[in-house]
PDB file of N, CA and C in Angstrom:
ATOM      1  N   MET A   1      22.491   1.893 -24.185  1.00  0.00           N
ATOM      2  CA  MET A   1      21.597   1.250 -23.244  1.00  0.00           C
ATOM      3  C   MET A   1      20.137   1.505 -23.620  1.00  0.00           C
ATOM      4  N   LEU A   2      19.870   2.677 -24.179  1.00  0.00           N
ATOM      5  CA  LEU A   2      18.497   2.940 -24.631  1.00  0.00           C
ATOM      6  C   LEU A   2      18.107   1.994 -25.767  1.00  0.00           C
ATOM      7  N   THR A   3      19.056   1.724 -26.654  1.00  0.00           N
ATOM      8  CA  THR A   3      18.795   0.776 -27.747  1.00  0.00           C
ATOM      9  C   THR A   3      18.573  -0.625 -27.199  1.00  0.00           C
ATOM     10  N   ALA A   4      19.355  -1.002 -26.194  1.00  0.00           N
ATOM     11  CA  ALA A   4      19.178  -2.319 -25.570  1.00  0.00           C
ATOM     12  C   ALA A   4      17.807  -2.422 -24.907  1.00  0.00           C
ATOM     13  N   CYS A   5      17.382  -1.368 -24.233  1.00  0.00           N
ATOM     14  CA  CYS A   5      16.054  -1.372 -23.603  1.00  0.00           C
ATOM     15  C   CYS A   5      14.943  -1.446 -24.649  1.00  0.00           C
ATOM     16  N   ALA A   6      15.103  -0.690 -25.725  1.00  0.00           N
ATOM     17  CA  ALA A   6      14.089  -0.711 -26.784  1.00  0.00           C
ATOM     18  C   ALA A   6      14.019  -2.088 -27.442  1.00  0.00           C
ATOM     19  N   THR A   7      15.174  -2.674 -27.717  1.00  0.00           N
ATOM     20  CA  THR A   7      15.207  -4.008 -28.325  1.00  0.00           C
ATOM     21  C   THR A   7      14.589  -5.045 -27.399  1.00  0.00           C
ATOM     22  N   SER A   8      14.924  -4.967 -26.126  1.00  0.00           N
ATOM     23  CA  SER A   8      14.353  -5.909 -25.156  1.00  0.00           C
ATOM     24  C   SER A   8      12.852  -5.736 -25.024  1.00  0.00           C
ATOM     25  N   THR A   9      12.389  -4.503 -25.073  1.00  0.00           N
ATOM     26  CA  THR A   9      10.950  -4.240 -25.001  1.00  0.00           C
ATOM     27  C   THR A   9      10.231  -4.832 -26.207  1.00  0.00           C
ATOM     28  N   LEU A  10      10.793  -4.618 -27.396  1.00  0.00           N
ATOM     29  CA  LEU A  10      10.193  -5.200 -28.601  1.00  0.00           C
ATOM     30  C   LEU A  10      10.189  -6.727 -28.534  1.00  0.00           C
ATOM     31  N   PHE A  11      11.288  -7.307 -28.039  1.00  0.00           N
ATOM     32  CA  PHE A  11      11.321  -8.763 -27.896  1.00  0.00           C
ATOM     33  C   PHE A  11      10.252  -9.231 -26.922  1.00  0.00           C
ATOM     34  N   LEU A  12      10.134  -8.573 -25.773  1.00  0.00           N
ATOM     35  CA  LEU A  12       9.150  -8.981 -24.771  1.00  0.00           C
ATOM     36  C   LEU A  12       7.736  -8.904 -25.336  1.00  0.00           C
ATOM     37  N   ILE A  13       7.435  -7.852 -26.065  1.00  0.00           N
ATOM     38  CA  ILE A  13       6.106  -7.718 -26.677  1.00  0.00           C
ATOM     39  C   ILE A  13       5.859  -8.845 -27.675  1.00  0.00           C
ATOM     40  N   SER A  14       6.840  -9.127 -28.530  1.00  0.00           N
ATOM     41  CA  SER A  14       6.654 -10.195 -29.519  1.00  0.00           C
ATOM     42  C   SER A  14       6.569 -11.563 -28.848  1.00  0.00           C
ATOM     43  N   TYR A  15       7.353 -11.775 -27.805  1.00  0.00           N
ATOM     44  CA  TYR A  15       7.328 -13.043 -27.069  1.00  0.00           C
ATOM     45  C   TYR A  15       5.964 -13.263 -26.422  1.00  0.00           C
ATOM     46  N   LEU A  16       5.457 -12.257 -25.741  1.00  0.00           N
ATOM     47  CA  LEU A  16       4.161 -12.385 -25.081  1.00  0.00           C
ATOM     48  C   LEU A  16       3.027 -12.553 -26.085  1.00  0.00           C
ATOM     49  N   THR A  17       3.094 -11.841 -27.191  1.00  0.00           N
ATOM     50  CA  THR A  17       2.076 -11.972 -28.241  1.00  0.00           C
ATOM     51  C   THR A  17       2.090 -13.384 -28.823  1.00  0.00           C
ATOM     52  N   TYR A  18       3.286 -13.889 -29.118  1.00  0.00           N
ATOM     53  CA  TYR A  18       3.412 -15.239 -29.670  1.00  0.00           C
ATOM     54  C   TYR A  18       2.815 -16.271 -28.713  1.00  0.00           C
ATOM     55  N   HIS A  19       3.192 -16.200 -27.445  1.00  0.00           N
ATOM     56  CA  HIS A  19       2.718 -17.206 -26.494  1.00  0.00           C
ATOM     57  C   HIS A  19       1.248 -17.030 -26.141  1.00  0.00           C
ATOM     58  N   TYR A  20       0.724 -15.840 -26.295  1.00  0.00           N
ATOM     59  CA  TYR A  20      -0.707 -15.632 -26.099  1.00  0.00           C
ATOM     60  C   TYR A  20      -1.494 -16.388 -27.172  1.00  0.00           C
ATOM     61  N   HIS A  21      -1.007 -16.364 -28.401  1.00  0.00           N
ATOM     62  CA  HIS A  21      -1.707 -17.009 -29.513  1.00  0.00           C
ATOM     63  C   HIS A  21      -1.332 -18.483 -29.676  1.00  0.00           C
ATOM     64  N   HIS A  22      -0.106 -18.841 -29.369  1.00  0.00           N
ATOM     65  CA  HIS A  22       0.381 -20.202 -29.595  1.00  0.00           C
ATOM     66  C   HIS A  22       0.253 -21.084 -28.358  1.00  0.00           C
ATOM     67  N   GLY A  23       0.372 -20.525 -27.193  1.00  0.00           N
ATOM     68  CA  GLY A  23       0.379 -21.315 -25.965  1.00  0.00           C
ATOM     69  C   GLY A  23       1.788 -21.794 -25.656  1.00  0.00           C
ATOM     70  N   SER A  24       1.891 -22.763 -24.790  1.00  0.00           N
ATOM     71  CA  SER A  24       3.208 -23.256 -24.402  1.00  0.00           C
ATOM     72  C   SER A  24       3.549 -24.525 -25.180  1.00  0.00           C
ATOM     73  N   THR A  25       4.843 -24.777 -25.302  1.00  0.00           N
ATOM     74  CA  THR A  25       5.344 -25.966 -25.980  1.00  0.00           C
ATOM     75  C   THR A  25       5.935 -26.892 -24.924  1.00  0.00           C
ATOM     76  N   PRO A  26       5.452 -28.131 -24.831  1.00  0.00           N
ATOM     77  CA  PRO A  26       5.980 -29.029 -23.805  1.00  0.00           C
ATOM     78  C   PRO A  26       7.407 -29.477 -24.131  1.00  0.00           C
ATOM     79  N   PHE A  27       8.204 -29.640 -23.086  1.00  0.00           N
ATOM     80  CA  PHE A  27       9.566 -30.139 -23.253  1.00  0.00           C
ATOM     81  C   PHE A  27       9.500 -31.660 -23.332  1.00  0.00           C
ATOM     82  N   THR A  28      10.066 -32.226 -24.385  1.00  0.00           N
ATOM     83  CA  THR A  28       9.966 -33.676 -24.602  1.00  0.00           C
ATOM     84  C   THR A  28      11.244 -34.429 -24.248  1.00  0.00           C
ATOM     85  N   GLY A  29      12.268 -33.718 -23.807  1.00  0.00           N
ATOM     86  CA  GLY A  29      13.529 -34.374 -23.460  1.00  0.00           C
ATOM     87  C   GLY A  29      13.369 -35.314 -22.282  1.00  0.00           C
ATOM     88  N   GLN A  30      14.202 -36.336 -22.253  1.00  0.00           N
ATOM     89  CA  GLN A  30      14.172 -37.337 -21.186  1.00  0.00           C
ATOM     90  C   GLN A  30      15.554 -37.483 -20.576  1.00  0.00           C
ATOM     91  N   GLY A  31      15.602 -38.096 -19.414  1.00  0.00           N
ATOM     92  CA  GLY A  31      16.881 -38.366 -18.776  1.00  0.00           C
ATOM     93  C   GLY A  31      17.406 -37.165 -18.006  1.00  0.00           C
ATOM     94  N   TRP A  32      18.735 -37.058 -17.942  1.00  0.00           N
ATOM     95  CA  TRP A  32      19.393 -36.029 -17.135  1.00  0.00           C
ATOM     96  C   TRP A  32      19.117 -34.615 -17.626  1.00  0.00           C
ATOM     97  N   VAL A  33      18.775 -34.468 -18.911  1.00  0.00           N
ATOM     98  CA  VAL A  33      18.568 -33.134 -19.462  1.00  0.00           C
ATOM     99  C   VAL A  33      17.246 -32.521 -18.978  1.00  0.00           C
ATOM    100  N   ARG A  34      16.289 -33.349 -18.609  1.00  0.00           N
ATOM    101  CA  ARG A  34      14.981 -32.846 -18.185  1.00  0.00           C
ATOM    102  C   ARG A  34      15.066 -32.001 -16.906  1.00  0.00           C
ATOM    103  N   PRO A  35      15.666 -32.503 -15.813  1.00  0.00           N
ATOM    104  CA  PRO A  35      15.772 -31.644 -14.627  1.00  0.00           C
ATOM    105  C   PRO A  35      16.669 -30.416 -14.869  1.00  0.00           C
ATOM    106  N   MET A  36      17.675 -30.556 -15.727  1.00  0.00           N
ATOM    107  CA  MET A  36      18.524 -29.414 -16.045  1.00  0.00           C
ATOM    108  C   MET A  36      17.705 -28.340 -16.768  1.00  0.00           C
ATOM    109  N   TYR A  37      16.894 -28.757 -17.736  1.00  0.00           N
ATOM    110  CA  TYR A  37      16.043 -27.817 -18.477  1.00  0.00           C
ATOM    111  C   TYR A  37      15.113 -27.066 -17.524  1.00  0.00           C
ATOM    112  N   PHE A  38      14.426 -27.795 -16.653  1.00  0.00           N
ATOM    113  CA  PHE A  38      13.476 -27.145 -15.760  1.00  0.00           C
ATOM    114  C   PHE A  38      14.163 -26.265 -14.720  1.00  0.00           C
ATOM    115  N   SER A  39      15.355 -26.618 -14.299  1.00  0.00           N
ATOM    116  CA  SER A  39      16.120 -25.751 -13.384  1.00  0.00           C
ATOM    117  C   SER A  39      16.458 -24.431 -14.058  1.00  0.00           C
ATOM    118  N   ILE A  40      16.922 -24.513 -15.289  1.00  0.00           N
ATOM    119  CA  ILE A  40      17.240 -23.294 -16.038  1.00  0.00           C
ATOM    120  C   ILE A  40      15.966 -22.489 -16.293  1.00  0.00           C
ATOM    121  N   LEU A  41      14.887 -23.180 -16.675  1.00  0.00           N
ATOM    122  CA  LEU A  41      13.625 -22.496 -16.977  1.00  0.00           C
ATOM    123  C   LEU A  41      13.068 -21.775 -15.755  1.00  0.00           C
ATOM    124  N   ILE A  42      13.092 -22.417 -14.601  1.00  0.00           N
ATOM    125  CA  ILE A  42      12.546 -21.797 -13.382  1.00  0.00           C
ATOM    126  C   ILE A  42      13.356 -20.571 -12.993  1.00  0.00           C
ATOM    127  N   SER A  43      14.685 -20.694 -12.994  1.00  0.00           N
ATOM    128  CA  SER A  43      15.506 -19.534 -12.627  1.00  0.00           C
ATOM    129  C   SER A  43      15.343 -18.418 -13.660  1.00  0.00           C
ATOM    130  N   HIS A  44      15.252 -18.775 -14.915  1.00  0.00           N
ATOM    131  CA  HIS A  44      15.063 -17.790 -15.984  1.00  0.00           C
ATOM    132  C   HIS A  44      13.737 -17.044 -15.806  1.00  0.00           C
ATOM    133  N   THR A  45      12.675 -17.764 -15.538  1.00  0.00           N
ATOM    134  CA  THR A  45      11.350 -17.163 -15.413  1.00  0.00           C
ATOM    135  C   THR A  45      11.274 -16.213 -14.216  1.00  0.00           C
ATOM    136  N   ILE A  46      11.786 -16.648 -13.081  1.00  0.00           N
ATOM    137  CA  ILE A  46      11.752 -15.813 -11.875  1.00  0.00           C
ATOM    138  C   ILE A  46      12.581 -14.545 -12.081  1.00  0.00           C
ATOM    139  N   LEU A  47      13.779 -14.708 -12.614  1.00  0.00           N
ATOM    140  CA  LEU A  47      14.646 -13.545 -12.803  1.00  0.00           C
ATOM    141  C   LEU A  47      14.150 -12.640 -13.931  1.00  0.00           C
ATOM    142  N   ALA A  48      13.505 -13.210 -14.951  1.00  0.00           N
ATOM    143  CA  ALA A  48      12.939 -12.387 -16.027  1.00  0.00           C
ATOM    144  C   ALA A  48      11.839 -11.480 -15.478  1.00  0.00           C
ATOM    145  N   ALA A  49      11.047 -11.990 -14.572  1.00  0.00           N
ATOM    146  CA  ALA A  49      10.003 -11.164 -13.958  1.00  0.00           C
ATOM    147  C   ALA A  49      10.616 -10.107 -13.042  1.00  0.00           C
ATOM    148  N   ALA A  50      11.678 -10.471 -12.340  1.00  0.00           N
ATOM    149  CA  ALA A  50      12.316  -9.534 -11.405  1.00  0.00           C
ATOM    150  C   ALA A  50      13.105  -8.440 -12.115  1.00  0.00           C
ATOM    151  N   VAL A  51      13.641  -8.735 -13.292  1.00  0.00           N
ATOM    152  CA  VAL A  51      14.510  -7.761 -13.956  1.00  0.00           C
ATOM    153  C   VAL A  51      13.732  -6.601 -14.571  1.00  0.00           C
ATOM    154  N   VAL A  52      12.479  -6.791 -14.881  1.00  0.00           N
ATOM    155  CA  VAL A  52      11.700  -5.717 -15.512  1.00  0.00           C
ATOM    156  C   VAL A  52      11.652  -4.469 -14.622  1.00  0.00           C
ATOM    157  N   PRO A  53      11.219  -4.576 -13.359  1.00  0.00           N
ATOM    158  CA  PRO A  53      11.227  -3.356 -12.542  1.00  0.00           C
ATOM    159  C   PRO A  53      12.641  -2.838 -12.267  1.00  0.00           C
ATOM    160  N   LEU A  54      13.612  -3.737 -12.147  1.00  0.00           N
ATOM    161  CA  LEU A  54      14.990  -3.296 -11.932  1.00  0.00           C
ATOM    162  C   LEU A  54      15.484  -2.447 -13.101  1.00  0.00           C
ATOM    163  N   VAL A  55      15.215  -2.888 -14.313  1.00  0.00           N
ATOM    164  CA  VAL A  55      15.635  -2.140 -15.497  1.00  0.00           C
ATOM    165  C   VAL A  55      14.893  -0.808 -15.583  1.00  0.00           C
ATOM    166  N   LEU A  56      13.605  -0.817 -15.300  1.00  0.00           N
ATOM    167  CA  LEU A  56      12.842   0.432 -15.345  1.00  0.00           C
ATOM    168  C   LEU A  56      13.360   1.448 -14.331  1.00  0.00           C
ATOM    169  N   ILE A  57      13.651   1.000 -13.136  1.00  0.00           N
ATOM    170  CA  ILE A  57      14.191   1.898 -12.106  1.00  0.00           C
ATOM    171  C   ILE A  57      15.575   2.393 -12.512  1.00  0.00           C
ATOM    172  N   THR A  58      16.413   1.483 -13.010  1.00  0.00           N
ATOM    173  CA  THR A  58      17.760   1.858 -13.439  1.00  0.00           C
ATOM    174  C   THR A  58      17.699   2.885 -14.557  1.00  0.00           C
ATOM    175  N   LEU A  59      16.861   2.643 -15.536  1.00  0.00           N
ATOM    176  CA  LEU A  59      16.729   3.552 -16.671  1.00  0.00           C
ATOM    177  C   LEU A  59      16.196   4.918 -16.232  1.00  0.00           C
ATOM    178  N   THR A  60      15.204   4.917 -15.377  1.00  0.00           N
ATOM    179  CA  THR A  60      14.633   6.170 -14.881  1.00  0.00           C
ATOM    180  C   THR A  60      15.676   6.997 -14.139  1.00  0.00           C
ATOM    181  N   ARG A  61      16.449   6.342 -13.289  1.00  0.00           N
ATOM    182  CA  ARG A  61      17.479   7.063 -12.538  1.00  0.00           C
ATOM    183  C   ARG A  61      18.567   7.614 -13.443  1.00  0.00           C
ATOM    184  N   ALA A  62      18.910   6.896 -14.499  1.00  0.00           N
ATOM    185  CA  ALA A  62      19.915   7.396 -15.441  1.00  0.00           C
ATOM    186  C   ALA A  62      19.378   8.594 -16.212  1.00  0.00           C
ATOM    187  N   LEU A  63      18.131   8.508 -16.651  1.00  0.00           N
ATOM    188  CA  LEU A  63      17.541   9.614 -17.410  1.00  0.00           C
ATOM    189  C   LEU A  63      17.383  10.875 -16.558  1.00  0.00           C
ATOM    190  N   LYS A  64      17.194  10.701 -15.254  1.00  0.00           N
ATOM    191  CA  LYS A  64      17.099  11.838 -14.338  1.00  0.00           C
ATOM    192  C   LYS A  64      18.478  12.278 -13.833  1.00  0.00           C
ATOM    193  N   GLU A  65      19.513  11.642 -14.367  1.00  0.00           N
ATOM    194  CA  GLU A  65      20.905  11.936 -14.021  1.00  0.00           C
ATOM    195  C   GLU A  65      21.212  11.758 -12.543  1.00  0.00           C
ATOM    196  N   ARG A  66      20.596  10.790 -11.925  1.00  0.00           N
ATOM    197  CA  ARG A  66      20.897  10.401 -10.545  1.00  0.00           C
ATOM    198  C   ARG A  66      21.851   9.205 -10.607  1.00  0.00           C
ATOM    199  N   PHE A  67      23.057   9.465 -11.054  1.00  0.00           N
ATOM    200  CA  PHE A  67      23.974   8.391 -11.386  1.00  0.00           C
ATOM    201  C   PHE A  67      24.460   7.602 -10.173  1.00  0.00           C
ATOM    202  N   ASP A  68      24.501   8.216  -9.000  1.00  0.00           N
ATOM    203  CA  ASP A  68      24.891   7.466  -7.805  1.00  0.00           C
ATOM    204  C   ASP A  68      23.834   6.406  -7.480  1.00  0.00           C
ATOM    205  N   GLN A  69      22.552   6.768  -7.567  1.00  0.00           N
ATOM    206  CA  GLN A  69      21.472   5.807  -7.336  1.00  0.00           C
ATOM    207  C   GLN A  69      21.363   4.816  -8.496  1.00  0.00           C
ATOM    208  N   HIS A  70      21.614   5.310  -9.698  1.00  0.00           N
ATOM    209  CA  HIS A  70      21.584   4.456 -10.884  1.00  0.00           C
ATOM    210  C   HIS A  70      22.602   3.326 -10.772  1.00  0.00           C
ATOM    211  N   SER A  71      23.811   3.648 -10.405  1.00  0.00           N
ATOM    212  CA  SER A  71      24.865   2.626 -10.360  1.00  0.00           C
ATOM    213  C   SER A  71      24.624   1.601  -9.261  1.00  0.00           C
ATOM    214  N   ARG A  72      23.981   2.021  -8.167  1.00  0.00           N
ATOM    215  CA  ARG A  72      23.687   1.057  -7.092  1.00  0.00           C
ATOM    216  C   ARG A  72      22.759  -0.058  -7.560  1.00  0.00           C
ATOM    217  N   ILE A  73      21.739   0.289  -8.310  1.00  0.00           N
ATOM    218  CA  ILE A  73      20.795  -0.737  -8.778  1.00  0.00           C
ATOM    219  C   ILE A  73      21.280  -1.412 -10.060  1.00  0.00           C
ATOM    220  N   ALA A  74      22.048  -0.681 -10.869  1.00  0.00           N
ATOM    221  CA  ALA A  74      22.572  -1.259 -12.116  1.00  0.00           C
ATOM    222  C   ALA A  74      23.521  -2.418 -11.832  1.00  0.00           C
ATOM    223  N   ARG A  75      24.207  -2.381 -10.687  1.00  0.00           N
ATOM    224  CA  ARG A  75      25.079  -3.495 -10.294  1.00  0.00           C
ATOM    225  C   ARG A  75      24.321  -4.811 -10.198  1.00  0.00           C
ATOM    226  N   TRP A  76      23.048  -4.735  -9.855  1.00  0.00           N
ATOM    227  CA  TRP A  76      22.206  -5.926  -9.759  1.00  0.00           C
ATOM    228  C   TRP A  76      21.474  -6.196 -11.076  1.00  0.00           C
ATOM    229  N   ALA A  77      20.987  -5.144 -11.690  1.00  0.00           N
ATOM    230  CA  ALA A  77      20.149  -5.302 -12.886  1.00  0.00           C
ATOM    231  C   ALA A  77      20.928  -5.872 -14.065  1.00  0.00           C
ATOM    232  N   LEU A  78      22.133  -5.387 -14.312  1.00  0.00           N
ATOM    233  CA  LEU A  78      22.877  -5.804 -15.498  1.00  0.00           C
ATOM    234  C   LEU A  78      23.218  -7.291 -15.505  1.00  0.00           C
ATOM    235  N   PRO A  79      23.801  -7.855 -14.422  1.00  0.00           N
ATOM    236  CA  PRO A  79      24.096  -9.288 -14.476  1.00  0.00           C
ATOM    237  C   PRO A  79      22.842 -10.164 -14.562  1.00  0.00           C
ATOM    238  N   ILE A  80      21.755  -9.710 -13.913  1.00  0.00           N
ATOM    239  CA  ILE A  80      20.500 -10.470 -14.017  1.00  0.00           C
ATOM    240  C   ILE A  80      19.981 -10.407 -15.445  1.00  0.00           C
ATOM    241  N   TRP A  81      20.049  -9.251 -16.055  1.00  0.00           N
ATOM    242  CA  TRP A  81      19.614  -9.068 -17.439  1.00  0.00           C
ATOM    243  C   TRP A  81      20.436  -9.960 -18.365  1.00  0.00           C
ATOM    244  N   PHE A  82      21.738  -9.992 -18.183  1.00  0.00           N
ATOM    245  CA  PHE A  82      22.587 -10.869 -18.992  1.00  0.00           C
ATOM    246  C   PHE A  82      22.214 -12.334 -18.794  1.00  0.00           C
ATOM    247  N   TYR A  83      22.012 -12.745 -17.540  1.00  0.00           N
ATOM    248  CA  TYR A  83      21.642 -14.137 -17.253  1.00  0.00           C
ATOM    249  C   TYR A  83      20.336 -14.497 -17.954  1.00  0.00           C
ATOM    250  N   VAL A  84      19.352 -13.627 -17.851  1.00  0.00           N
ATOM    251  CA  VAL A  84      18.054 -13.885 -18.480  1.00  0.00           C
ATOM    252  C   VAL A  84      18.212 -13.974 -19.997  1.00  0.00           C
ATOM    253  N   SER A  85      19.029 -13.118 -20.563  1.00  0.00           N
ATOM    254  CA  SER A  85      19.250 -13.142 -22.018  1.00  0.00           C
ATOM    255  C   SER A  85      19.897 -14.443 -22.464  1.00  0.00           C
ATOM    256  N   VAL A  86      20.938 -14.858 -21.780  1.00  0.00           N
ATOM    257  CA  VAL A  86      21.659 -16.080 -22.166  1.00  0.00           C
ATOM    258  C   VAL A  86      20.806 -17.313 -21.923  1.00  0.00           C
ATOM    259  N   THR A  87      20.153 -17.397 -20.775  1.00  0.00           N
ATOM    260  CA  THR A  87      19.342 -18.587 -20.494  1.00  0.00           C
ATOM    261  C   THR A  87      18.126 -18.663 -21.409  1.00  0.00           C
ATOM    262  N   GLY A  88      17.632 -17.528 -21.875  1.00  0.00           N
ATOM    263  CA  GLY A  88      16.531 -17.552 -22.836  1.00  0.00           C
ATOM    264  C   GLY A  88      16.933 -18.249 -24.122  1.00  0.00           C
ATOM    265  N   VAL A  89      18.129 -17.967 -24.599  1.00  0.00           N
ATOM    266  CA  VAL A  89      18.640 -18.628 -25.807  1.00  0.00           C
ATOM    267  C   VAL A  89      18.875 -20.111 -25.533  1.00  0.00           C
ATOM    268  N   VAL A  90      19.420 -20.440 -24.377  1.00  0.00           N
ATOM    269  CA  VAL A  90      19.661 -21.843 -24.009  1.00  0.00           C
ATOM    270  C   VAL A  90      18.338 -22.608 -23.966  1.00  0.00           C
ATOM    271  N   ILE A  91      17.325 -22.019 -23.345  1.00  0.00           N
ATOM    272  CA  ILE A  91      16.006 -22.659 -23.267  1.00  0.00           C
ATOM    273  C   ILE A  91      15.429 -22.877 -24.657  1.00  0.00           C
ATOM    274  N   TYR A  92      15.548 -21.874 -25.511  1.00  0.00           N
ATOM    275  CA  TYR A  92      15.051 -22.008 -26.883  1.00  0.00           C
ATOM    276  C   TYR A  92      15.707 -23.199 -27.583  1.00  0.00           C
ATOM    277  N   PHE A  93      17.040 -23.291 -27.512  1.00  0.00           N
ATOM    278  CA  PHE A  93      17.729 -24.394 -28.181  1.00  0.00           C
ATOM    279  C   PHE A  93      17.385 -25.741 -27.564  1.00  0.00           C
ATOM    280  N   MET A  94      17.250 -25.780 -26.243  1.00  0.00           N
ATOM    281  CA  MET A  94      16.885 -27.051 -25.620  1.00  0.00           C
ATOM    282  C   MET A  94      15.474 -27.477 -25.996  1.00  0.00           C
ATOM    283  N   LEU A  95      14.579 -26.527 -26.137  1.00  0.00           N
ATOM    284  CA  LEU A  95      13.185 -26.831 -26.435  1.00  0.00           C
ATOM    285  C   LEU A  95      12.947 -27.180 -27.892  1.00  0.00           C
ATOM    286  N   TYR A  96      13.604 -26.481 -28.806  1.00  0.00           N
ATOM    287  CA  TYR A  96      13.297 -26.657 -30.227  1.00  0.00           C
ATOM    288  C   TYR A  96      14.351 -27.378 -31.041  1.00  0.00           C
ATOM    289  N   HIS A  97      15.565 -27.510 -30.534  1.00  0.00           N
ATOM    290  CA  HIS A  97      16.632 -28.093 -31.340  1.00  0.00           C
ATOM    291  C   HIS A  97      17.266 -29.347 -30.738  1.00  0.00           C
ATOM    292  N   TRP A  98      16.902 -29.719 -29.519  1.00  0.00           N
ATOM    293  CA  TRP A  98      17.472 -30.934 -28.927  1.00  0.00           C
ATOM    294  C   TRP A  98      16.484 -32.059 -29.016  1.00  0.00           C
TER     295      TRP A  98
END
């Protein structure tokens, strides 16, 4: 889990750096895929912002060996983290490869 947190942190830093210098890329898809893309993007963005403090709290509680408190928040943090990870890849493919 520490490796996953470190990898995610490095990704977040590189992602933010890239978008700071490059800006945003408009979605050019039309038809039924457009509302689907924006639905995925909105849920991804909101949950990506929410998962950062959840992961930090979960990690802190695990490192302090407060496993009862850790597991209570990890039940929420892990599935949100997975959703954000998968939808990030989906958004990338929809934006750059469709």
